């Protein structure tokens, strides 16, 4: 029971710390578009993506800007963003199926951060 309590307290502390000092994290991938579109232009630039990627989940599981920018116009529109969600799911699934250690939770499944679904 102590192990689980320690994990809970640790996760609660980290969550409180993150939320107190940084902008809110997007509740879902779809919400992430609005969180990343800082200038409200309806697209996400490379600069906007670089500054907000951590708000949309585990950055090690996020697709790269280039992967999402299908038309190579240096911005991501809502359609490309929706495709990014599929890429994020595929990356997470591949990570879980990997035999190597490139997956950050592969060798550390008890870490509270690894208990979140991607």
N, C-alpha and C. Protein backbone atom coordinates (compact mmCIF):
# COMPACT_ATOMS: atom_id res chain seq x y z
N UNK A 1 0.83 -1.19 0.00
CA UNK A 1 0.00 0.00 0.00
C UNK A 1 0.87 1.26 0.00
N UNK A 2 2.01 1.20 0.68
CA UNK A 2 2.90 2.35 0.75
C UNK A 2 3.43 2.73 -0.63
N UNK A 3 3.73 1.75 -1.46
CA UNK A 3 4.23 2.00 -2.81
C UNK A 3 3.21 2.79 -3.62
N UNK A 4 1.96 2.39 -3.52
CA UNK A 4 0.91 3.08 -4.27
C UNK A 4 0.65 4.47 -3.72
N UNK A 5 0.71 4.62 -2.40
CA UNK A 5 0.50 5.92 -1.79
C UNK A 5 1.61 6.88 -2.22
N UNK A 6 2.84 6.40 -2.21
CA UNK A 6 3.97 7.22 -2.62
C UNK A 6 3.82 7.65 -4.08
N UNK A 7 3.39 6.74 -4.93
CA UNK A 7 3.19 7.08 -6.35
C UNK A 7 2.09 8.12 -6.50
N UNK A 8 1.02 7.97 -5.73
CA UNK A 8 -0.10 8.93 -5.79
C UNK A 8 0.35 10.31 -5.33
N UNK A 9 1.04 10.37 -4.20
CA UNK A 9 1.50 11.64 -3.66
C UNK A 9 2.47 12.30 -4.63
N UNK A 10 3.37 11.50 -5.20
CA UNK A 10 4.33 12.02 -6.16
C UNK A 10 3.62 12.59 -7.39
N UNK A 11 2.67 11.85 -7.93
CA UNK A 11 1.93 12.31 -9.11
C UNK A 11 1.13 13.56 -8.79
N UNK A 12 0.51 13.61 -7.62
CA UNK A 12 -0.28 14.78 -7.23
C UNK A 12 0.62 16.00 -7.08
N UNK A 13 1.79 15.82 -6.48
CA UNK A 13 2.71 16.93 -6.30
C UNK A 13 3.19 17.47 -7.64
N UNK A 14 3.60 16.57 -8.52
CA UNK A 14 4.08 16.98 -9.84
C UNK A 14 2.97 17.69 -10.61
N UNK A 15 1.76 17.16 -10.55
CA UNK A 15 0.64 17.78 -11.25
C UNK A 15 0.38 19.18 -10.72
N UNK A 16 0.35 19.33 -9.41
CA UNK A 16 0.12 20.65 -8.81
C UNK A 16 1.23 21.62 -9.18
N UNK A 17 2.45 21.15 -9.16
CA UNK A 17 3.59 21.98 -9.51
C UNK A 17 3.51 22.44 -10.96
N UNK A 18 3.21 21.53 -11.85
CA UNK A 18 3.12 21.87 -13.27
C UNK A 18 1.99 22.85 -13.54
N UNK A 19 0.85 22.63 -12.93
CA UNK A 19 -0.30 23.49 -13.19
C UNK A 19 -0.14 24.86 -12.55
N UNK A 20 0.61 24.96 -11.48
CA UNK A 20 0.75 26.25 -10.82
C UNK A 20 1.69 27.20 -11.55
N UNK A 21 2.68 26.65 -12.26
CA UNK A 21 3.68 27.51 -12.86
C UNK A 21 3.66 27.59 -14.36
N UNK A 22 2.79 26.86 -15.01
CA UNK A 22 2.78 26.84 -16.46
C UNK A 22 1.36 26.98 -16.97
N UNK A 23 1.20 27.33 -18.24
CA UNK A 23 -0.14 27.36 -18.81
C UNK A 23 -0.78 25.98 -18.74
N UNK A 24 -2.08 25.95 -18.76
CA UNK A 24 -2.82 24.69 -18.65
C UNK A 24 -2.44 23.73 -19.77
N UNK A 25 -2.39 22.47 -19.44
CA UNK A 25 -2.11 21.42 -20.41
C UNK A 25 -3.42 21.08 -21.11
N UNK A 26 -3.36 20.83 -22.39
CA UNK A 26 -4.57 20.48 -23.15
C UNK A 26 -5.17 19.19 -22.62
N UNK A 27 -6.49 19.16 -22.49
CA UNK A 27 -7.18 17.98 -21.97
C UNK A 27 -7.13 16.82 -22.96
N UNK A 28 -7.06 17.11 -24.23
CA UNK A 28 -7.02 16.07 -25.25
C UNK A 28 -6.22 16.59 -26.44
N UNK A 29 -5.95 15.69 -27.37
CA UNK A 29 -5.22 16.10 -28.57
C UNK A 29 -6.00 17.19 -29.32
N UNK A 30 -7.32 17.02 -29.45
CA UNK A 30 -8.14 18.00 -30.16
C UNK A 30 -8.06 19.37 -29.48
N UNK A 31 -8.08 19.40 -28.16
CA UNK A 31 -7.96 20.66 -27.43
C UNK A 31 -6.58 21.29 -27.62
N UNK A 32 -5.61 20.46 -27.94
CA UNK A 32 -4.25 20.94 -28.13
C UNK A 32 -4.11 21.92 -29.27
N UNK A 33 -4.97 21.80 -30.29
CA UNK A 33 -4.87 22.73 -31.42
C UNK A 33 -5.07 24.15 -30.94
N UNK A 34 -6.09 24.38 -30.14
CA UNK A 34 -6.35 25.73 -29.63
C UNK A 34 -5.23 26.18 -28.69
N UNK A 35 -4.72 25.25 -27.90
CA UNK A 35 -3.64 25.59 -26.98
C UNK A 35 -2.37 26.00 -27.74
N UNK A 36 -2.13 25.38 -28.88
CA UNK A 36 -0.92 25.66 -29.65
C UNK A 36 -1.06 26.84 -30.60
N UNK A 37 -2.25 27.13 -31.06
CA UNK A 37 -2.47 28.24 -31.98
C UNK A 37 -2.48 29.55 -31.20
N UNK A 38 -1.29 29.95 -30.76
CA UNK A 38 -1.15 31.10 -29.88
C UNK A 38 -1.65 32.41 -30.49
N UNK A 39 -1.49 32.58 -31.79
CA UNK A 39 -1.90 33.83 -32.41
C UNK A 39 -3.32 33.79 -32.96
N UNK A 40 -4.00 32.65 -32.81
CA UNK A 40 -5.39 32.54 -33.25
C UNK A 40 -5.58 32.58 -34.76
N UNK A 41 -4.54 32.23 -35.51
CA UNK A 41 -4.60 32.32 -36.97
C UNK A 41 -5.34 31.15 -37.62
N UNK A 42 -5.60 30.11 -36.85
CA UNK A 42 -6.24 28.93 -37.42
C UNK A 42 -5.24 27.90 -37.93
N UNK A 43 -3.96 28.21 -37.79
CA UNK A 43 -2.89 27.27 -38.13
C UNK A 43 -1.82 27.35 -37.04
N UNK A 44 -0.99 26.33 -37.00
CA UNK A 44 0.09 26.28 -36.02
C UNK A 44 1.42 26.34 -36.77
N UNK A 45 2.22 27.35 -36.45
CA UNK A 45 3.53 27.50 -37.07
C UNK A 45 4.55 26.62 -36.35
N UNK A 46 5.72 26.48 -36.94
CA UNK A 46 6.81 25.72 -36.31
C UNK A 46 7.16 26.32 -34.95
N UNK A 47 7.20 27.63 -34.86
CA UNK A 47 7.53 28.30 -33.60
C UNK A 47 6.46 28.01 -32.55
N UNK A 48 5.18 28.09 -32.94
CA UNK A 48 4.10 27.79 -32.00
C UNK A 48 4.20 26.33 -31.53
N UNK A 49 4.46 25.41 -32.46
CA UNK A 49 4.57 23.99 -32.08
C UNK A 49 5.72 23.78 -31.11
N UNK A 50 6.87 24.39 -31.39
CA UNK A 50 8.03 24.21 -30.52
C UNK A 50 7.76 24.69 -29.11
N UNK A 51 6.97 25.75 -28.97
CA UNK A 51 6.71 26.30 -27.64
C UNK A 51 5.56 25.61 -26.92
N UNK A 52 4.78 24.79 -27.60
CA UNK A 52 3.61 24.21 -26.94
C UNK A 52 3.58 22.69 -26.96
N UNK A 53 4.52 22.05 -27.58
CA UNK A 53 4.47 20.60 -27.74
C UNK A 53 4.25 19.87 -26.41
N UNK A 54 4.87 20.33 -25.36
CA UNK A 54 4.73 19.67 -24.05
C UNK A 54 3.31 19.78 -23.49
N UNK A 55 2.50 20.68 -24.01
CA UNK A 55 1.13 20.85 -23.53
C UNK A 55 0.19 19.77 -24.06
N UNK A 56 0.62 19.03 -25.05
CA UNK A 56 -0.27 18.04 -25.68
C UNK A 56 0.20 16.62 -25.43
N UNK A 57 0.68 16.38 -24.25
CA UNK A 57 1.06 15.02 -23.89
C UNK A 57 2.55 14.81 -23.87
N UNK A 58 2.93 13.57 -23.76
CA UNK A 58 4.32 13.16 -23.69
C UNK A 58 5.02 13.50 -25.00
N UNK A 59 5.95 14.45 -25.00
CA UNK A 59 6.61 14.84 -26.25
C UNK A 59 7.32 13.70 -26.95
N UNK A 60 7.73 12.66 -26.21
CA UNK A 60 8.39 11.54 -26.86
C UNK A 60 7.41 10.73 -27.71
N UNK A 61 6.12 10.94 -27.51
CA UNK A 61 5.10 10.22 -28.27
C UNK A 61 4.43 11.11 -29.32
N UNK A 62 4.76 12.38 -29.33
CA UNK A 62 4.14 13.29 -30.28
C UNK A 62 4.78 13.15 -31.66
N UNK A 63 3.98 13.30 -32.72
CA UNK A 63 4.58 13.35 -34.05
C UNK A 63 5.39 14.64 -34.19
N UNK A 64 6.34 14.64 -35.08
CA UNK A 64 7.12 15.85 -35.32
C UNK A 64 6.30 16.83 -36.15
N UNK A 65 6.72 18.07 -36.13
CA UNK A 65 6.06 19.09 -36.94
C UNK A 65 6.07 18.68 -38.41
N UNK A 66 7.20 18.20 -38.88
CA UNK A 66 7.33 17.81 -40.28
C UNK A 66 6.39 16.66 -40.64
N UNK A 67 6.21 15.72 -39.71
CA UNK A 67 5.29 14.60 -39.97
C UNK A 67 3.85 15.11 -40.16
N UNK A 68 3.48 16.12 -39.39
CA UNK A 68 2.11 16.63 -39.47
C UNK A 68 1.90 17.57 -40.65
N UNK A 69 2.94 18.31 -41.03
CA UNK A 69 2.82 19.31 -42.10
C UNK A 69 2.86 18.62 -43.47
N UNK A 70 1.77 17.97 -43.82
CA UNK A 70 1.70 17.15 -45.03
C UNK A 70 1.92 17.93 -46.32
N UNK A 71 1.46 19.20 -46.38
CA UNK A 71 1.63 19.98 -47.61
C UNK A 71 2.90 20.84 -47.59
N UNK A 72 3.72 20.67 -46.57
CA UNK A 72 5.02 21.36 -46.46
C UNK A 72 4.94 22.87 -46.62
N UNK A 73 3.88 23.47 -46.05
CA UNK A 73 3.75 24.93 -46.14
C UNK A 73 4.17 25.62 -44.84
N UNK A 74 4.86 24.89 -43.97
CA UNK A 74 5.38 25.41 -42.71
C UNK A 74 4.28 25.85 -41.74
N UNK A 75 3.12 25.20 -41.83
CA UNK A 75 2.05 25.42 -40.85
C UNK A 75 1.17 24.18 -40.83
N UNK A 76 0.53 23.99 -39.71
CA UNK A 76 -0.36 22.85 -39.54
C UNK A 76 -1.78 23.36 -39.40
N UNK A 77 -2.64 22.91 -40.30
CA UNK A 77 -4.06 23.29 -40.20
C UNK A 77 -4.81 22.22 -39.41
N UNK A 78 -6.11 22.41 -39.23
CA UNK A 78 -6.88 21.48 -38.40
C UNK A 78 -6.94 20.08 -38.99
N UNK A 79 -6.97 19.96 -40.29
CA UNK A 79 -6.99 18.63 -40.92
C UNK A 79 -5.66 17.91 -40.67
N UNK A 80 -4.56 18.62 -40.82
CA UNK A 80 -3.25 18.02 -40.55
C UNK A 80 -3.13 17.68 -39.06
N UNK A 81 -3.69 18.52 -38.21
CA UNK A 81 -3.66 18.26 -36.77
C UNK A 81 -4.40 16.96 -36.45
N UNK A 82 -5.55 16.76 -37.08
CA UNK A 82 -6.31 15.52 -36.87
C UNK A 82 -5.49 14.31 -37.31
N UNK A 83 -4.76 14.45 -38.40
CA UNK A 83 -3.86 13.37 -38.84
C UNK A 83 -2.75 13.13 -37.83
N UNK A 84 -2.33 14.19 -37.16
CA UNK A 84 -1.30 14.07 -36.13
C UNK A 84 -1.75 13.19 -34.97
N UNK A 85 -3.04 13.22 -34.67
CA UNK A 85 -3.55 12.36 -33.59
C UNK A 85 -3.39 10.89 -33.96
N UNK A 86 -3.64 10.56 -35.21
CA UNK A 86 -3.44 9.18 -35.67
C UNK A 86 -1.97 8.79 -35.58
N UNK A 87 -1.10 9.72 -35.93
CA UNK A 87 0.33 9.45 -35.85
C UNK A 87 0.76 9.25 -34.40
N UNK A 88 0.22 10.07 -33.50
CA UNK A 88 0.55 9.96 -32.07
C UNK A 88 0.13 8.59 -31.54
N UNK A 89 -1.06 8.13 -31.92
CA UNK A 89 -1.54 6.82 -31.50
C UNK A 89 -0.63 5.72 -32.04
N UNK A 90 -0.24 5.84 -33.29
CA UNK A 90 0.64 4.83 -33.90
C UNK A 90 2.00 4.80 -33.21
N UNK A 91 2.54 5.97 -32.88
CA UNK A 91 3.83 6.03 -32.19
C UNK A 91 3.71 5.34 -30.83
N UNK A 92 2.64 5.63 -30.10
CA UNK A 92 2.43 5.01 -28.79
C UNK A 92 2.27 3.50 -28.90
N UNK A 93 1.52 3.04 -29.90
CA UNK A 93 1.34 1.60 -30.08
C UNK A 93 2.66 0.92 -30.44
N UNK A 94 3.43 1.55 -31.30
CA UNK A 94 4.73 0.99 -31.67
C UNK A 94 5.67 0.95 -30.47
N UNK A 95 5.58 1.98 -29.64
CA UNK A 95 6.41 2.02 -28.44
C UNK A 95 6.07 0.86 -27.52
N UNK A 96 4.79 0.64 -27.31
CA UNK A 96 4.36 -0.45 -26.43
C UNK A 96 4.78 -1.81 -26.96
N UNK A 97 4.84 -1.95 -28.28
CA UNK A 97 5.19 -3.23 -28.89
C UNK A 97 6.70 -3.41 -29.05
N UNK A 98 7.47 -2.36 -28.81
CA UNK A 98 8.92 -2.41 -29.03
C UNK A 98 9.60 -3.35 -28.04
N UNK A 99 10.61 -4.02 -28.53
CA UNK A 99 11.41 -4.88 -27.66
C UNK A 99 12.60 -4.12 -27.09
N UNK A 100 12.95 -3.01 -27.70
CA UNK A 100 14.08 -2.22 -27.23
C UNK A 100 13.66 -1.22 -26.18
N UNK A 101 14.56 -0.32 -25.84
CA UNK A 101 14.30 0.62 -24.76
C UNK A 101 14.04 2.04 -25.25
N UNK A 102 13.72 2.23 -26.54
CA UNK A 102 13.46 3.59 -27.01
C UNK A 102 12.19 4.16 -26.41
N UNK A 103 11.30 3.31 -25.94
CA UNK A 103 10.08 3.75 -25.29
C UNK A 103 10.43 4.20 -23.87
N UNK A 104 10.09 5.43 -23.48
CA UNK A 104 10.51 5.92 -22.17
C UNK A 104 9.96 5.12 -20.99
N UNK A 105 8.84 4.43 -21.16
CA UNK A 105 8.27 3.66 -20.05
C UNK A 105 8.54 2.17 -20.17
N UNK A 106 9.23 1.78 -21.22
CA UNK A 106 9.50 0.37 -21.47
C UNK A 106 10.16 -0.30 -20.27
N UNK A 107 11.16 0.34 -19.72
CA UNK A 107 11.90 -0.25 -18.62
C UNK A 107 11.54 0.38 -17.27
N UNK A 108 10.48 1.18 -17.25
CA UNK A 108 10.11 1.89 -16.03
C UNK A 108 8.59 1.97 -15.90
N UNK A 109 7.86 0.85 -15.98
CA UNK A 109 6.40 0.90 -16.01
C UNK A 109 5.76 1.37 -14.71
N UNK A 110 6.49 1.36 -13.58
CA UNK A 110 5.92 1.80 -12.31
C UNK A 110 6.00 3.31 -12.13
N UNK A 111 6.70 4.01 -13.00
CA UNK A 111 6.78 5.46 -12.94
C UNK A 111 5.37 6.03 -13.12
N UNK A 112 4.90 6.92 -12.24
CA UNK A 112 3.53 7.47 -12.37
C UNK A 112 3.27 8.10 -13.73
N UNK A 113 4.27 8.71 -14.33
CA UNK A 113 4.08 9.33 -15.64
C UNK A 113 3.78 8.28 -16.70
N UNK A 114 4.22 7.04 -16.47
CA UNK A 114 3.99 5.96 -17.42
C UNK A 114 2.60 5.34 -17.28
N UNK A 115 1.87 5.74 -16.28
CA UNK A 115 0.54 5.20 -16.06
C UNK A 115 -0.51 5.96 -16.87
N UNK A 116 -0.13 7.08 -17.46
CA UNK A 116 -1.06 7.87 -18.27
C UNK A 116 -1.21 7.24 -19.62
N UNK A 117 -2.42 7.32 -20.19
CA UNK A 117 -2.60 6.80 -21.54
C UNK A 117 -2.21 7.87 -22.53
N UNK A 118 -1.64 7.47 -23.64
CA UNK A 118 -1.22 8.40 -24.68
C UNK A 118 -2.27 8.45 -25.69
